[in-house]
Amino acid sequence: MTAKVLFGREQISAHPGFDQLAAHLPGWEIASCPPDKVADHLDGVDVICPLGARIGVPIISNGSFGLVHQFGVGLERVDIATATQLGVLVARVPGDVGGNADSCAELAVLHLLALFRRLDASRAALAESHWLQRPVGRSLLDATVLIVGLGAIGTALARRLAPFGPRLLGVRARPELGGPAGLDLVAGPDQLPDLLAQADAVMCCAVLHDGNAGMFGQSEFAAMRPGAVFVNVARGGLVDEAALLAALETGQVGAAGLDVFSSEPADPQSPLIQHPNVIATPHIGWHTDFMFRQTSEAFAANLMRYSRGEQPLWTVNSVAARRS
């Protein structure tokens, strides 16, 4: 009997495509549709993979699928409470399993180095023959870097930054869990304002949930060391973008590296993206060959487990009676 998985986007990426995933899913039909058309494609679907689609009450109630499984980490657009009530399991591929965390951490380092070493201004100086006016960059050695969120991405980032020699600080919801070697301090969210004032760079790696939307707003940017750098590779919803733009305009925030935005696809002409002290990328932190390979294998193996009647790995809920 053929099982069917529906992806809430026409393609995972331009490359690779669904054909590479299909090699890991013998006996499965792979279907796809635009994010806003999932409700029209529920017939015969056993598993939904949201990608960027919102999986809410109408879709969960009208479908017969028993599993919502993300191709990656983010589940903020899935109504987990409704899924649980209706016997639908919800799962994801953890960042440290699927390569997402390592890939995002690499991009965070790229943004940080590009901003510290003033890459855009340096390229412009060369292009305009301003050799004697080359910009002076900032070294990570002896700088203080604050990582907000020490989950898979934050942990991977700390391990990559430690060899550069900065003083590393961390903030996490449960500071008693500590952090990887190389962190000088791990504190709770109540100490965030104090640590913001000490940091030359603030790296946002937190997981977005109902309780922390807009956690970086006017007061947080005002608490930062004047001229510090801000980098976000987590979720755009964690940042009040108007407050960030205002802080950039005054110089309170010296520069920002942004891979995620409150609304995606982001408007390339927005004042924030167009700001001269912003380096922006189109949510590509996860977008690497390594991540696609690792996540495809883990995602497919979990769907095969489910098709055999086994409990999928990495579920975020439990149900009294599984819908099938």
Foldseek 3Di string as FASTA:
>chain_A
DAAEEEEQPQFLDPPPGCVVLVVLAPRYHYHYDHQVCLQVPQPRHAEYANNPHQADDSNLVPHQHQEYEHLADDDQRYPVVNSQVVQHWYFYQYCVQQVLLLLLLVVQVVLVVCLQQVVVQQVVCVVVVVVVPHDHGHAQAAFEEEEEAQDSNVQSNQVVSQVSHYAYEYEDQDCVVPGDPRHPYYYYPVCLLVVQCRHLEYEYAHEDDPPQFQVAAQSNLQSHHQQHEYEYLHEQRNHPQVNVLVCCVVRSHNAYEYAYHPDPPDDCPDCSNPPPRYHYHPNCSSPDPSSVVSSSNLVSVQVVCVVVVHDGPGTPDGHPHGRD
